[in-house]
Amino acid sequence: MSSTDTSELPPEGTQAPDTREVVLVTGISGSGKSVALHALEDAGYFCVDNLPPELLRDFIRVETMHGVRRMAIAVDVRTAGSLPHLLPVLDQLKADGVLVRSIFLNATTTALVRRFSETRRPHPLSKPGDIADPHRALVDAIELERSLLADLRERSTELDTSQLRPVQLRSWIRDLVGATGSRLTLVFESFAFKHGVPLDADLVYDVRVLPNPFYLRELRPLTGRDAPVADYLRAQPEVEEMAGQIEAFVRRWLPAYEDDHRSYLTVAIGCTGGQHRSAYLVETLAARFAGTVATLIRHRELDGR
């Protein structure tokens, strides 16, 4: 997960009365920007979709005059001609004292092709004459979009929505904007390797070598968040050794990630099904770090069950 610098953000609920906060929602078409914008609207943000970057500063100034302090704005390739202006505008907003959080939604090409096929919507960069091979044309449009948004992605907090249901995405967006204003938020995420590695992962750990509760009949329907599974895994020396080594690595390098002006560091832990071992280790590690750094917990395969 790459991040824009939001180290100046105060803790949620402690902003000064005149603080202006803007959440920029951007990313690949079909990755869930509409869902994210609705979640922010429910959280109390004044939301606008597809605002040209050149109008951002004037829009924020006008809304501030009307008493609006929390705004969420979606920007994407529908304003492709204006994208080169966006990054300089974000720098100007920070210089103006506006607290800017940029969230970049991403997904695998396979997931995006499936979504466009299901909705039968054209991609914003598709050409009307691309009918000979519509699948190839769609893939080409997606790759062009990735190229156009590459610089913005590097300045943003990335969120992989490939495997997320809308209810999960809404919850994760609320967690992101509700995280405390510490210099860095540590995100622990469990996932299943059979569904792919999260695109937004900064550090990836494979724990499939550990004893698997799936093969115990009484533990199979449970998850790593349940006490019987946790008790079983806690009793395995290899599991404790793995947890200790991951913890030691993250603690060793956490100050360096903070000095790199990151807002979020995502530690993704994967097992076969994302249900037992990875979920247990995410819960365990998050508890160990909770007293020293802001932490978030995500279970990609379990959240929203």
C-alpha atoms as a PDB file:
ATOM      1  CA  MET A   1       0.000   0.000   0.000  1.00  0.00           C
ATOM      2  CA  SER A   2       1.623   3.204  -1.063  1.00  0.00           C
ATOM      3  CA  SER A   3       0.619   6.341   0.828  1.00  0.00           C
ATOM      4  CA  THR A   4       0.482  10.053   0.533  1.00  0.00           C
ATOM      5  CA  ASP A   5       1.915  11.925   3.523  1.00  0.00           C
ATOM      6  CA  THR A   6      -0.833  12.517   6.061  1.00  0.00           C
ATOM      7  CA  SER A   7       1.489  12.660   9.047  1.00  0.00           C
ATOM      8  CA  GLU A   8       0.171  16.115   9.896  1.00  0.00           C
ATOM      9  CA  LEU A   9      -3.341  14.792  10.513  1.00  0.00           C
ATOM     10  CA  PRO A  10      -4.526  15.125  14.123  1.00  0.00           C
ATOM     11  CA  PRO A  11      -6.464  12.299  15.746  1.00  0.00           C
ATOM     12  CA  GLU A  12     -10.018  11.802  14.555  1.00  0.00           C
ATOM     13  CA  GLY A  13     -12.383  14.137  16.317  1.00  0.00           C
ATOM     14  CA  THR A  14      -9.609  16.510  17.506  1.00  0.00           C
ATOM     15  CA  GLN A  15      -9.300  18.736  14.425  1.00  0.00           C
ATOM     16  CA  ALA A  16      -9.352  22.449  14.989  1.00  0.00           C
ATOM     17  CA  PRO A  17     -12.745  24.017  14.257  1.00  0.00           C
ATOM     18  CA  ASP A  18     -11.464  25.699  11.059  1.00  0.00           C
ATOM     19  CA  THR A  19      -9.679  22.595   9.725  1.00  0.00           C
ATOM     20  CA  ARG A  20     -10.634  21.651   6.187  1.00  0.00           C
ATOM     21  CA  GLU A  21     -10.329  17.946   5.393  1.00  0.00           C
ATOM     22  CA  VAL A  22     -10.520  16.538   1.870  1.00  0.00           C
ATOM     23  CA  VAL A  23     -10.576  12.853   0.973  1.00  0.00           C
ATOM     24  CA  LEU A  24      -9.669  12.339  -2.675  1.00  0.00           C
ATOM     25  CA  VAL A  25     -11.150   9.101  -4.023  1.00  0.00           C
ATOM     26  CA  THR A  26      -9.475   7.925  -7.198  1.00  0.00           C
ATOM     27  CA  GLY A  27      -8.365   4.724  -8.883  1.00  0.00           C
ATOM     28  CA  ILE A  28      -9.116   2.337 -11.710  1.00  0.00           C
ATOM     29  CA  SER A  29     -12.578   2.394 -13.302  1.00  0.00           C
ATOM     30  CA  GLY A  30     -14.707  -0.422 -11.913  1.00  0.00           C
ATOM     31  CA  SER A  31     -12.737  -0.652  -8.654  1.00  0.00           C
ATOM     32  CA  GLY A  32     -15.538   0.684  -6.446  1.00  0.00           C
ATOM     33  CA  LYS A  33     -15.249   4.472  -6.331  1.00  0.00           C
ATOM     34  CA  SER A  34     -19.024   4.932  -6.211  1.00  0.00           C
ATOM     35  CA  VAL A  35     -19.295   2.557  -3.237  1.00  0.00           C
ATOM     36  CA  ALA A  36     -16.453   4.387  -1.485  1.00  0.00           C
ATOM     37  CA  LEU A  37     -18.049   7.768  -2.100  1.00  0.00           C
ATOM     38  CA  HIS A  38     -21.381   6.571  -0.673  1.00  0.00           C
ATOM     39  CA  ALA A  39     -19.567   5.274   2.423  1.00  0.00           C
ATOM     40  CA  LEU A  40     -17.943   8.669   2.930  1.00  0.00           C
ATOM     41  CA  GLU A  41     -21.267  10.420   2.450  1.00  0.00           C
ATOM     42  CA  ASP A  42     -22.753   8.210   5.171  1.00  0.00           C
ATOM     43  CA  ALA A  43     -19.786   9.168   7.367  1.00  0.00           C
ATOM     44  CA  GLY A  44     -20.663  12.830   7.097  1.00  0.00           C
ATOM     45  CA  TYR A  45     -18.543  14.024   4.177  1.00  0.00           C
ATOM     46  CA  PHE A  46     -19.890  16.365   1.504  1.00  0.00           C
ATOM     47  CA  CYS A  47     -19.282  14.326  -1.657  1.00  0.00           C
ATOM     48  CA  VAL A  48     -18.780  15.298  -5.297  1.00  0.00           C
ATOM     49  CA  ASP A  49     -18.108  12.925  -8.186  1.00  0.00           C
ATOM     50  CA  ASN A  50     -15.866  13.626 -11.184  1.00  0.00           C
ATOM     51  CA  LEU A  51     -14.791  17.165 -10.320  1.00  0.00           C
ATOM     52  CA  PRO A  52     -12.134  18.530 -12.732  1.00  0.00           C
ATOM     53  CA  PRO A  53      -8.847  19.049 -10.829  1.00  0.00           C
ATOM     54  CA  GLU A  54      -8.604  22.684 -11.945  1.00  0.00           C
ATOM     55  CA  LEU A  55     -11.761  23.435  -9.946  1.00  0.00           C
ATOM     56  CA  LEU A  56     -10.658  21.773  -6.700  1.00  0.00           C
ATOM     57  CA  ARG A  57      -9.292  24.832  -4.915  1.00  0.00           C
ATOM     58  CA  ASP A  58     -12.212  27.066  -5.886  1.00  0.00           C
ATOM     59  CA  PHE A  59     -14.696  24.362  -4.929  1.00  0.00           C
ATOM     60  CA  ILE A  60     -13.131  23.916  -1.486  1.00  0.00           C
ATOM     61  CA  ARG A  61     -13.011  27.681  -0.961  1.00  0.00           C
ATOM     62  CA  VAL A  62     -16.699  28.094  -1.808  1.00  0.00           C
ATOM     63  CA  GLU A  63     -17.831  25.147   0.323  1.00  0.00           C
ATOM     64  CA  THR A  64     -15.733  26.402   3.225  1.00  0.00           C
ATOM     65  CA  MET A  65     -17.579  29.712   3.011  1.00  0.00           C
ATOM     66  CA  HIS A  66     -20.800  27.682   3.381  1.00  0.00           C
ATOM     67  CA  GLY A  67     -19.485  25.993   6.518  1.00  0.00           C
ATOM     68  CA  VAL A  68     -18.465  22.667   4.975  1.00  0.00           C
ATOM     69  CA  ARG A  69     -15.279  21.278   6.582  1.00  0.00           C
ATOM     70  CA  ARG A  70     -15.206  17.631   5.471  1.00  0.00           C
ATOM     71  CA  MET A  71     -15.320  16.916   1.741  1.00  0.00           C
ATOM     72  CA  ALA A  72     -14.812  13.821  -0.401  1.00  0.00           C
ATOM     73  CA  ILE A  73     -14.109  14.225  -4.094  1.00  0.00           C
ATOM     74  CA  ALA A  74     -13.869  11.502  -6.731  1.00  0.00           C
ATOM     75  CA  VAL A  75     -11.452  12.081  -9.619  1.00  0.00           C
ATOM     76  CA  ASP A  76     -10.687   9.598 -12.393  1.00  0.00           C
ATOM     77  CA  VAL A  77      -9.842   9.268 -16.099  1.00  0.00           C
ATOM     78  CA  ARG A  78     -13.161  10.762 -17.158  1.00  0.00           C
ATOM     79  CA  THR A  79     -11.205  14.005 -16.721  1.00  0.00           C
ATOM     80  CA  ALA A  80      -8.058  12.519 -18.287  1.00  0.00           C
ATOM     81  CA  GLY A  81      -7.047  15.782 -19.928  1.00  0.00           C
ATOM     82  CA  SER A  82      -6.919  17.465 -16.518  1.00  0.00           C
ATOM     83  CA  LEU A  83      -4.985  14.756 -14.648  1.00  0.00           C
ATOM     84  CA  PRO A  84      -1.569  16.430 -15.119  1.00  0.00           C
ATOM     85  CA  HIS A  85      -2.904  19.348 -13.049  1.00  0.00           C
ATOM     86  CA  LEU A  86      -3.982  17.174 -10.102  1.00  0.00           C
ATOM     87  CA  LEU A  87      -0.711  16.557  -8.241  1.00  0.00           C
ATOM     88  CA  PRO A  88       0.325  20.234  -8.281  1.00  0.00           C
ATOM     89  CA  VAL A  89      -3.169  21.135  -7.024  1.00  0.00           C
ATOM     90  CA  LEU A  90      -2.806  18.666  -4.137  1.00  0.00           C
ATOM     91  CA  ASP A  91       0.492  20.318  -3.170  1.00  0.00           C
ATOM     92  CA  GLN A  92      -1.196  23.733  -3.299  1.00  0.00           C
ATOM     93  CA  LEU A  93      -4.024  22.502  -1.083  1.00  0.00           C
ATOM     94  CA  LYS A  94      -1.565  21.284   1.542  1.00  0.00           C
ATOM     95  CA  ALA A  95       0.188  24.644   1.378  1.00  0.00           C
ATOM     96  CA  ASP A  96      -3.242  26.238   1.959  1.00  0.00           C
ATOM     97  CA  GLY A  97      -3.579  24.218   5.181  1.00  0.00           C
ATOM     98  CA  VAL A  98      -6.062  21.685   3.805  1.00  0.00           C
ATOM     99  CA  LEU A  99      -5.653  18.152   5.191  1.00  0.00           C
ATOM    100  CA  VAL A 100      -5.640  15.902   2.128  1.00  0.00           C
ATOM    101  CA  ARG A 101      -6.019  12.117   2.130  1.00  0.00           C
ATOM    102  CA  SER A 102      -5.805  10.418  -1.255  1.00  0.00           C
ATOM    103  CA  ILE A 103      -7.274   6.896  -1.523  1.00  0.00           C
ATOM    104  CA  PHE A 104      -6.504   4.916  -4.684  1.00  0.00           C
ATOM    105  CA  LEU A 105      -8.820   1.978  -5.386  1.00  0.00           C
ATOM    106  CA  ASN A 106      -7.311  -0.812  -7.460  1.00  0.00           C
ATOM    107  CA  ALA A 107      -8.245  -4.305  -8.640  1.00  0.00           C
ATOM    108  CA  THR A 108      -6.796  -7.028 -10.817  1.00  0.00           C
ATOM    109  CA  THR A 109      -7.478  -6.863 -14.531  1.00  0.00           C
ATOM    110  CA  THR A 110      -9.384 -10.149 -14.294  1.00  0.00           C
ATOM    111  CA  ALA A 111     -11.722  -8.722 -11.647  1.00  0.00           C
ATOM    112  CA  LEU A 112     -12.239  -5.512 -13.622  1.00  0.00           C
ATOM    113  CA  VAL A 113     -13.034  -7.362 -16.855  1.00  0.00           C
ATOM    114  CA  ARG A 114     -15.587  -9.478 -14.979  1.00  0.00           C
ATOM    115  CA  ARG A 115     -17.248  -6.404 -13.470  1.00  0.00           C
ATOM    116  CA  PHE A 116     -17.492  -4.565 -16.788  1.00  0.00           C
ATOM    117  CA  SER A 117     -18.887  -7.701 -18.401  1.00  0.00           C
ATOM    118  CA  GLU A 118     -21.521  -8.069 -15.676  1.00  0.00           C
ATOM    119  CA  THR A 119     -22.648  -4.435 -15.828  1.00  0.00           C
ATOM    120  CA  ARG A 120     -22.209  -4.105 -19.633  1.00  0.00           C
ATOM    121  CA  ARG A 121     -20.889  -0.591 -19.076  1.00  0.00           C
ATOM    122  CA  PRO A 122     -18.210   0.681 -21.471  1.00  0.00           C
ATOM    123  CA  HIS A 123     -14.826   1.596 -20.061  1.00  0.00           C
ATOM    124  CA  PRO A 124     -14.276   5.391 -20.089  1.00  0.00           C
ATOM    125  CA  LEU A 125     -11.238   4.950 -22.354  1.00  0.00           C
ATOM    126  CA  SER A 126     -12.851   2.455 -24.740  1.00  0.00           C
ATOM    127  CA  LYS A 127     -13.078   3.533 -28.368  1.00  0.00           C
ATOM    128  CA  PRO A 128     -16.431   3.236 -30.163  1.00  0.00           C
ATOM    129  CA  GLY A 129     -14.879   1.222 -32.991  1.00  0.00           C
ATOM    130  CA  ASP A 130     -13.352  -1.465 -30.779  1.00  0.00           C
ATOM    131  CA  ILE A 131     -15.850  -4.219 -31.621  1.00  0.00           C
ATOM    132  CA  ALA A 132     -13.704  -6.818 -33.377  1.00  0.00           C
ATOM    133  CA  ASP A 133     -12.185  -8.058 -30.098  1.00  0.00           C
ATOM    134  CA  PRO A 134     -14.049  -6.359 -27.215  1.00  0.00           C
ATOM    135  CA  HIS A 135     -12.146  -8.329 -24.534  1.00  0.00           C
ATOM    136  CA  ARG A 136      -8.770  -7.230 -25.874  1.00  0.00           C
ATOM    137  CA  ALA A 137     -10.029  -3.658 -26.262  1.00  0.00           C
ATOM    138  CA  LEU A 138     -11.203  -3.616 -22.631  1.00  0.00           C
ATOM    139  CA  VAL A 139      -7.885  -4.985 -21.340  1.00  0.00           C
ATOM    140  CA  ASP A 140      -5.986  -2.381 -23.391  1.00  0.00           C
ATOM    141  CA  ALA A 141      -8.183   0.394 -21.965  1.00  0.00           C
ATOM    142  CA  ILE A 142      -7.544  -0.814 -18.409  1.00  0.00           C
ATOM    143  CA  GLU A 143      -3.778  -0.929 -18.955  1.00  0.00           C
ATOM    144  CA  LEU A 144      -3.822   2.566 -20.472  1.00  0.00           C
ATOM    145  CA  GLU A 145      -5.734   3.784 -17.433  1.00  0.00           C
ATOM    146  CA  ARG A 146      -3.148   2.228 -15.095  1.00  0.00           C
ATOM    147  CA  SER A 147      -0.431   4.109 -16.964  1.00  0.00           C
ATOM    148  CA  LEU A 148      -2.264   7.439 -16.802  1.00  0.00           C
ATOM    149  CA  LEU A 149      -2.878   7.095 -13.050  1.00  0.00           C
ATOM    150  CA  ALA A 150       0.538   5.676 -12.074  1.00  0.00           C
ATOM    151  CA  ASP A 151       1.883   8.901 -10.537  1.00  0.00           C
ATOM    152  CA  LEU A 152      -1.309   9.467  -8.552  1.00  0.00           C
ATOM    153  CA  ARG A 153      -1.205   5.889  -7.286  1.00  0.00           C
ATOM    154  CA  GLU A 154       2.287   6.493  -5.876  1.00  0.00           C
ATOM    155  CA  ARG A 155       0.996   9.471  -3.885  1.00  0.00           C
ATOM    156  CA  SER A 156      -2.031   7.666  -2.491  1.00  0.00           C
ATOM    157  CA  THR A 157      -3.079   5.045   0.019  1.00  0.00           C
ATOM    158  CA  GLU A 158      -3.880   2.038  -2.168  1.00  0.00           C
ATOM    159  CA  LEU A 159      -6.765  -0.329  -1.486  1.00  0.00           C
ATOM    160  CA  ASP A 160      -7.190  -3.587  -3.430  1.00  0.00           C
ATOM    161  CA  THR A 161     -10.883  -4.282  -4.019  1.00  0.00           C
ATOM    162  CA  SER A 162     -10.474  -7.382  -6.211  1.00  0.00           C
ATOM    163  CA  GLN A 163     -11.977  -9.763  -3.650  1.00  0.00           C
ATOM    164  CA  LEU A 164     -14.113  -7.292  -1.695  1.00  0.00           C
ATOM    165  CA  ARG A 165     -17.868  -7.202  -1.506  1.00  0.00           C
ATOM    166  CA  PRO A 166     -19.428  -3.719  -1.318  1.00  0.00           C
ATOM    167  CA  VAL A 167     -20.157  -4.096   2.401  1.00  0.00           C
ATOM    168  CA  GLN A 168     -16.467  -4.855   3.038  1.00  0.00           C
ATOM    169  CA  LEU A 169     -15.293  -1.903   0.970  1.00  0.00           C
ATOM    170  CA  ARG A 170     -17.616   0.465   2.820  1.00  0.00           C
ATOM    171  CA  SER A 171     -16.273  -0.796   6.149  1.00  0.00           C
ATOM    172  CA  TRP A 172     -12.624  -0.530   5.082  1.00  0.00           C
ATOM    173  CA  ILE A 173     -13.124   3.015   3.779  1.00  0.00           C
ATOM    174  CA  ARG A 174     -14.649   4.053   7.094  1.00  0.00           C
ATOM    175  CA  ASP A 175     -11.674   2.491   8.902  1.00  0.00           C
ATOM    176  CA  LEU A 176      -9.193   4.394   6.715  1.00  0.00           C
ATOM    177  CA  VAL A 177     -10.705   7.822   7.257  1.00  0.00           C
ATOM    178  CA  GLY A 178     -11.356   7.085  10.923  1.00  0.00           C
ATOM    179  CA  ALA A 179      -7.785   6.016  11.719  1.00  0.00           C
ATOM    180  CA  THR A 180      -5.919   8.161  14.233  1.00  0.00           C
ATOM    181  CA  GLY A 181      -3.573  10.853  13.047  1.00  0.00           C
ATOM    182  CA  SER A 182      -0.385   9.124  14.165  1.00  0.00           C
ATOM    183  CA  ARG A 183       2.593   9.251  11.847  1.00  0.00           C
ATOM    184  CA  LEU A 184       1.847   5.777  10.518  1.00  0.00           C
ATOM    185  CA  THR A 185      -1.006   3.287  10.761  1.00  0.00           C
ATOM    186  CA  LEU A 186      -0.092  -0.392  10.699  1.00  0.00           C
ATOM    187  CA  VAL A 187      -2.576  -2.555   8.794  1.00  0.00           C
ATOM    188  CA  PHE A 188      -2.593  -6.329   9.349  1.00  0.00           C
ATOM    189  CA  GLU A 189      -4.526  -8.195   6.673  1.00  0.00           C
ATOM    190  CA  SER A 190      -5.220 -11.919   6.340  1.00  0.00           C
ATOM    191  CA  PHE A 191      -5.865 -13.446   2.937  1.00  0.00           C
ATOM    192  CA  ALA A 192      -6.066 -16.717   1.017  1.00  0.00           C
ATOM    193  CA  PHE A 193      -3.318 -17.445  -1.474  1.00  0.00           C
ATOM    194  CA  LYS A 194      -5.830 -19.324  -3.628  1.00  0.00           C
ATOM    195  CA  HIS A 195      -7.535 -15.968  -4.278  1.00  0.00           C
ATOM    196  CA  GLY A 196      -4.318 -14.052  -4.939  1.00  0.00           C
ATOM    197  CA  VAL A 197      -2.014 -11.741  -3.005  1.00  0.00           C
ATOM    198  CA  PRO A 198      -3.550  -8.316  -2.156  1.00  0.00           C
ATOM    199  CA  LEU A 199      -2.333  -5.623  -4.552  1.00  0.00           C
ATOM    200  CA  ASP A 200      -1.989  -3.129  -1.696  1.00  0.00           C
ATOM    201  CA  ALA A 201       0.317  -5.294   0.437  1.00  0.00           C
ATOM    202  CA  ASP A 202       3.664  -3.794   1.456  1.00  0.00           C
ATOM    203  CA  LEU A 203       4.973  -6.881   3.296  1.00  0.00           C
ATOM    204  CA  VAL A 204       3.725 -10.399   2.480  1.00  0.00           C
ATOM    205  CA  TYR A 205       4.198 -13.448   4.700  1.00  0.00           C
ATOM    206  CA  ASP A 206       3.355 -17.009   3.654  1.00  0.00           C
ATOM    207  CA  VAL A 207       2.279 -19.068   6.690  1.00  0.00           C
ATOM    208  CA  ARG A 208       1.072 -22.142   4.801  1.00  0.00           C
ATOM    209  CA  VAL A 209       3.957 -24.118   6.330  1.00  0.00           C
ATOM    210  CA  LEU A 210       2.323 -23.942   9.781  1.00  0.00           C
ATOM    211  CA  PRO A 211       0.037 -26.660  11.238  1.00  0.00           C
ATOM    212  CA  ASN A 212      -3.408 -26.305   9.696  1.00  0.00           C
ATOM    213  CA  PRO A 213      -6.520 -26.454  11.937  1.00  0.00           C
ATOM    214  CA  PHE A 214      -8.573 -27.184   8.812  1.00  0.00           C
ATOM    215  CA  TYR A 215      -7.633 -30.844   9.149  1.00  0.00           C
ATOM    216  CA  LEU A 216      -9.185 -31.090  12.609  1.00  0.00           C
ATOM    217  CA  ARG A 217     -12.896 -31.759  12.181  1.00  0.00           C
ATOM    218  CA  GLU A 218     -13.984 -29.792  15.237  1.00  0.00           C
ATOM    219  CA  LEU A 219     -11.933 -26.724  14.175  1.00  0.00           C
ATOM    220  CA  ARG A 220     -12.667 -26.751  10.440  1.00  0.00           C
ATOM    221  CA  PRO A 221     -15.837 -24.579  10.540  1.00  0.00           C
ATOM    222  CA  LEU A 222     -14.239 -22.056  12.918  1.00  0.00           C
ATOM    223  CA  THR A 223     -11.808 -19.223  12.187  1.00  0.00           C
ATOM    224  CA  GLY A 224      -8.615 -17.863  13.673  1.00  0.00           C
ATOM    225  CA  ARG A 225     -10.721 -15.371  15.610  1.00  0.00           C
ATOM    226  CA  ASP A 226     -12.381 -18.196  17.580  1.00  0.00           C
ATOM    227  CA  ALA A 227     -10.901 -19.291  20.916  1.00  0.00           C
ATOM    228  CA  PRO A 228     -10.561 -23.033  20.118  1.00  0.00           C
ATOM    229  CA  VAL A 229      -8.531 -22.307  16.983  1.00  0.00           C
ATOM    230  CA  ALA A 230      -6.455 -19.689  18.774  1.00  0.00           C
ATOM    231  CA  ASP A 231      -5.743 -22.105  21.637  1.00  0.00           C
ATOM    232  CA  TYR A 232      -4.683 -24.817  19.200  1.00  0.00           C
ATOM    233  CA  LEU A 233      -2.350 -22.552  17.217  1.00  0.00           C
ATOM    234  CA  ARG A 234      -0.924 -20.891  20.322  1.00  0.00           C
ATOM    235  CA  ALA A 235       0.187 -24.328  21.518  1.00  0.00           C
ATOM    236  CA  GLN A 236       2.219 -24.970  18.342  1.00  0.00           C
ATOM    237  CA  PRO A 237       5.882 -23.905  18.761  1.00  0.00           C
ATOM    238  CA  GLU A 238       6.242 -23.155  15.031  1.00  0.00           C
ATOM    239  CA  VAL A 239       3.343 -20.707  15.143  1.00  0.00           C
ATOM    240  CA  GLU A 240       4.821 -18.768  18.045  1.00  0.00           C
ATOM    241  CA  GLU A 241       8.215 -18.736  16.322  1.00  0.00           C
ATOM    242  CA  MET A 242       6.665 -17.383  13.097  1.00  0.00           C
ATOM    243  CA  ALA A 243       4.731 -14.704  15.001  1.00  0.00           C
ATOM    244  CA  GLY A 244       7.868 -13.657  16.863  1.00  0.00           C
ATOM    245  CA  GLN A 245       9.939 -13.381  13.691  1.00  0.00           C
ATOM    246  CA  ILE A 246       7.306 -11.317  11.863  1.00  0.00           C
ATOM    247  CA  GLU A 247       6.956  -9.069  14.900  1.00  0.00           C
ATOM    248  CA  ALA A 248      10.726  -8.602  15.170  1.00  0.00           C
ATOM    249  CA  PHE A 249      11.062  -7.686  11.488  1.00  0.00           C
ATOM    250  CA  VAL A 250       8.229  -5.168  11.567  1.00  0.00           C
ATOM    251  CA  ARG A 251       9.499  -3.578  14.806  1.00  0.00           C
ATOM    252  CA  ARG A 252      13.015  -3.330  13.371  1.00  0.00           C
ATOM    253  CA  TRP A 253      11.928  -1.528  10.216  1.00  0.00           C
ATOM    254  CA  LEU A 254       8.866   0.397  11.413  1.00  0.00           C
ATOM    255  CA  PRO A 255      10.859   3.584  12.199  1.00  0.00           C
ATOM    256  CA  ALA A 256      12.308   3.514   8.679  1.00  0.00           C
ATOM    257  CA  TYR A 257       8.831   3.247   7.150  1.00  0.00           C
ATOM    258  CA  GLU A 258       7.729   6.184   9.320  1.00  0.00           C
ATOM    259  CA  ASP A 259      10.722   8.225   8.167  1.00  0.00           C
ATOM    260  CA  ASP A 260       9.698   7.424   4.577  1.00  0.00           C
ATOM    261  CA  HIS A 261       6.587   9.582   5.221  1.00  0.00           C
ATOM    262  CA  ARG A 262       4.140   6.726   4.805  1.00  0.00           C
ATOM    263  CA  SER A 263       0.670   6.962   6.237  1.00  0.00           C
ATOM    264  CA  TYR A 264      -0.088   3.225   6.135  1.00  0.00           C
ATOM    265  CA  LEU A 265       1.990   0.055   6.116  1.00  0.00           C
ATOM    266  CA  THR A 266       0.063  -3.080   5.146  1.00  0.00           C
ATOM    267  CA  VAL A 267       1.378  -6.401   6.434  1.00  0.00           C
ATOM    268  CA  ALA A 268      -0.435  -9.161   4.547  1.00  0.00           C
ATOM    269  CA  ILE A 269      -0.377 -12.681   6.002  1.00  0.00           C
ATOM    270  CA  GLY A 270      -1.626 -15.496   3.822  1.00  0.00           C
ATOM    271  CA  CYS A 271      -2.516 -19.141   4.233  1.00  0.00           C
ATOM    272  CA  THR A 272      -4.408 -21.529   1.987  1.00  0.00           C
ATOM    273  CA  GLY A 273      -7.963 -20.420   2.764  1.00  0.00           C
ATOM    274  CA  GLY A 274      -7.441 -17.221   4.755  1.00  0.00           C
ATOM    275  CA  GLN A 275      -9.564 -18.649   7.549  1.00  0.00           C
ATOM    276  CA  HIS A 276      -7.430 -20.109  10.334  1.00  0.00           C
ATOM    277  CA  ARG A 277      -3.662 -19.517  10.459  1.00  0.00           C
ATOM    278  CA  SER A 278      -3.463 -16.130   8.753  1.00  0.00           C
ATOM    279  CA  ALA A 279      -6.485 -14.795  10.662  1.00  0.00           C
ATOM    280  CA  TYR A 280      -5.008 -15.915  13.999  1.00  0.00           C
ATOM    281  CA  LEU A 281      -1.634 -14.305  13.273  1.00  0.00           C
ATOM    282  CA  VAL A 282      -3.245 -11.045  12.180  1.00  0.00           C
ATOM    283  CA  GLU A 283      -5.214 -10.847  15.427  1.00  0.00           C
ATOM    284  CA  THR A 284      -2.139 -11.800  17.470  1.00  0.00           C
ATOM    285  CA  LEU A 285       0.234  -9.325  15.837  1.00  0.00           C
ATOM    286  CA  ALA A 286      -2.249  -6.480  15.878  1.00  0.00           C
ATOM    287  CA  ALA A 287      -2.688  -6.983  19.627  1.00  0.00           C
ATOM    288  CA  ARG A 288       1.082  -6.900  20.154  1.00  0.00           C
ATOM    289  CA  PHE A 289       1.492  -3.614  18.266  1.00  0.00           C
ATOM    290  CA  ALA A 290      -1.697  -1.910  19.467  1.00  0.00           C
ATOM    291  CA  GLY A 291      -0.008  -0.192  22.395  1.00  0.00           C
ATOM    292  CA  THR A 292       2.754   1.414  20.342  1.00  0.00           C
ATOM    293  CA  VAL A 293       1.259   2.324  16.956  1.00  0.00           C
ATOM    294  CA  ALA A 294      -2.179   2.838  15.432  1.00  0.00           C
ATOM    295  CA  THR A 295      -3.365  -0.496  14.004  1.00  0.00           C
ATOM    296  CA  LEU A 296      -6.126  -1.731  11.722  1.00  0.00           C
ATOM    297  CA  ILE A 297      -7.252  -5.331  11.230  1.00  0.00           C
ATOM    298  CA  ARG A 298      -8.578  -6.715   7.955  1.00  0.00           C
ATOM    299  CA  HIS A 299      -9.648 -10.251   7.101  1.00  0.00           C
ATOM    300  CA  ARG A 300     -10.199 -10.265   3.363  1.00  0.00           C
ATOM    301  CA  GLU A 301     -11.892 -13.651   3.223  1.00  0.00           C
ATOM    302  CA  LEU A 302     -13.772 -13.316   6.523  1.00  0.00           C
ATOM    303  CA  ASP A 303     -14.948  -9.702   6.698  1.00  0.00           C
ATOM    304  CA  GLY A 304     -18.553  -9.343   5.693  1.00  0.00           C
ATOM    305  CA  ARG A 305     -19.384 -13.007   6.317  1.00  0.00           C
END
